């Protein structure tokens, strides 16, 4: 069996299948919401720091 074709298909099914749930009857408690907000803020800050660190290299690529 070739798993290179099965794994991406099953991963896509898992990702898109989770969006098709109609009624979950669930809620996001404040602790989970806080973690989600922290992940978003951390991602934005991390992208900003990475951009600042590599700004000269990025600028040189566009100047050539």
C-alpha atoms as a PDB file:
ATOM      1  CA  UNK A   1       0.000   0.000   0.000  1.00  0.00           C
ATOM      2  CA  UNK A   2       1.343   3.426  -0.924  1.00  0.00           C
ATOM      3  CA  UNK A   3       0.887   5.799   2.027  1.00  0.00           C
ATOM      4  CA  UNK A   4       2.046   8.887   0.124  1.00  0.00           C
ATOM      5  CA  UNK A   5      -1.388   9.147  -1.481  1.00  0.00           C
ATOM      6  CA  UNK A   6      -3.494   7.998   1.466  1.00  0.00           C
ATOM      7  CA  UNK A   7      -2.069  10.384   4.084  1.00  0.00           C
ATOM      8  CA  UNK A   8      -2.727  13.703   2.246  1.00  0.00           C
ATOM      9  CA  UNK A   9      -6.237  12.571   1.295  1.00  0.00           C
ATOM     10  CA  UNK A  10      -7.124  11.558   4.822  1.00  0.00           C
ATOM     11  CA  UNK A  11      -5.625  14.780   6.192  1.00  0.00           C
ATOM     12  CA  UNK A  12      -7.749  16.855   3.800  1.00  0.00           C
ATOM     13  CA  UNK A  13     -10.823  14.851   4.760  1.00  0.00           C
ATOM     14  CA  UNK A  14     -10.107  15.514   8.445  1.00  0.00           C
ATOM     15  CA  UNK A  15      -9.609  19.255   7.896  1.00  0.00           C
ATOM     16  CA  UNK A  16     -12.590  19.882   5.618  1.00  0.00           C
ATOM     17  CA  UNK A  17     -14.803  17.336   7.346  1.00  0.00           C
ATOM     18  CA  UNK A  18     -14.528  19.202  10.619  1.00  0.00           C
ATOM     19  CA  UNK A  19     -16.060  22.314   9.025  1.00  0.00           C
ATOM     20  CA  UNK A  20     -19.175  20.459   7.907  1.00  0.00           C
ATOM     21  CA  UNK A  21     -20.527  19.766  11.404  1.00  0.00           C
ATOM     22  CA  UNK A  22     -23.957  21.388  11.683  1.00  0.00           C
ATOM     23  CA  UNK A  23     -24.774  21.452  15.405  1.00  0.00           C
ATOM     24  CA  UNK A  24     -22.025  20.968  17.951  1.00  0.00           C
ATOM     25  CA  UNK A  25     -23.922  22.068  21.087  1.00  0.00           C
ATOM     26  CA  UNK A  26     -20.632  23.169  22.593  1.00  0.00           C
ATOM     27  CA  UNK A  27     -18.962  26.339  23.766  1.00  0.00           C
ATOM     28  CA  UNK A  28     -15.462  27.733  24.119  1.00  0.00           C
ATOM     29  CA  UNK A  29     -14.715  28.376  27.754  1.00  0.00           C
ATOM     30  CA  UNK A  30     -12.720  31.488  28.750  1.00  0.00           C
ATOM     31  CA  UNK A  31      -9.502  29.499  29.241  1.00  0.00           C
ATOM     32  CA  UNK A  32      -9.595  28.146  25.693  1.00  0.00           C
ATOM     33  CA  UNK A  33     -10.495  31.542  24.267  1.00  0.00           C
ATOM     34  CA  UNK A  34      -7.583  33.092  26.131  1.00  0.00           C
ATOM     35  CA  UNK A  35      -5.160  30.522  24.734  1.00  0.00           C
ATOM     36  CA  UNK A  36      -6.437  31.133  21.189  1.00  0.00           C
ATOM     37  CA  UNK A  37      -5.953  34.894  21.587  1.00  0.00           C
ATOM     38  CA  UNK A  38      -2.436  34.330  22.994  1.00  0.00           C
ATOM     39  CA  UNK A  39      -1.541  32.104  20.020  1.00  0.00           C
ATOM     40  CA  UNK A  40      -2.710  34.747  17.550  1.00  0.00           C
ATOM     41  CA  UNK A  41      -0.807  37.524  19.332  1.00  0.00           C
ATOM     42  CA  UNK A  42       2.313  35.343  19.624  1.00  0.00           C
ATOM     43  CA  UNK A  43       2.174  34.510  15.926  1.00  0.00           C
ATOM     44  CA  UNK A  44       1.925  38.179  14.971  1.00  0.00           C
ATOM     45  CA  UNK A  45       4.775  39.169  17.292  1.00  0.00           C
ATOM     46  CA  UNK A  46       6.925  36.286  16.054  1.00  0.00           C
ATOM     47  CA  UNK A  47       6.338  37.298  12.428  1.00  0.00           C
ATOM     48  CA  UNK A  48       7.270  40.879  13.315  1.00  0.00           C
ATOM     49  CA  UNK A  49      10.504  39.801  15.013  1.00  0.00           C
ATOM     50  CA  UNK A  50      11.421  37.542  12.086  1.00  0.00           C
ATOM     51  CA  UNK A  51      10.756  40.401   9.659  1.00  0.00           C
ATOM     52  CA  UNK A  52      12.914  42.733  11.735  1.00  0.00           C
ATOM     53  CA  UNK A  53      15.775  40.223  11.901  1.00  0.00           C
ATOM     54  CA  UNK A  54      15.804  39.505   8.163  1.00  0.00           C
ATOM     55  CA  UNK A  55      14.806  42.991   6.935  1.00  0.00           C
ATOM     56  CA  UNK A  56      18.195  43.754   5.353  1.00  0.00           C
ATOM     57  CA  UNK A  57      18.239  40.460   3.422  1.00  0.00           C
ATOM     58  CA  UNK A  58      14.676  41.002   2.222  1.00  0.00           C
ATOM     59  CA  UNK A  59      15.440  44.576   1.193  1.00  0.00           C
ATOM     60  CA  UNK A  60      18.567  43.526  -0.739  1.00  0.00           C
ATOM     61  CA  UNK A  61      16.586  40.914  -2.720  1.00  0.00           C
ATOM     62  CA  UNK A  62      14.080  43.512  -3.901  1.00  0.00           C
ATOM     63  CA  UNK A  63      16.731  46.112  -4.740  1.00  0.00           C
ATOM     64  CA  UNK A  64      18.514  43.820  -7.229  1.00  0.00           C
END
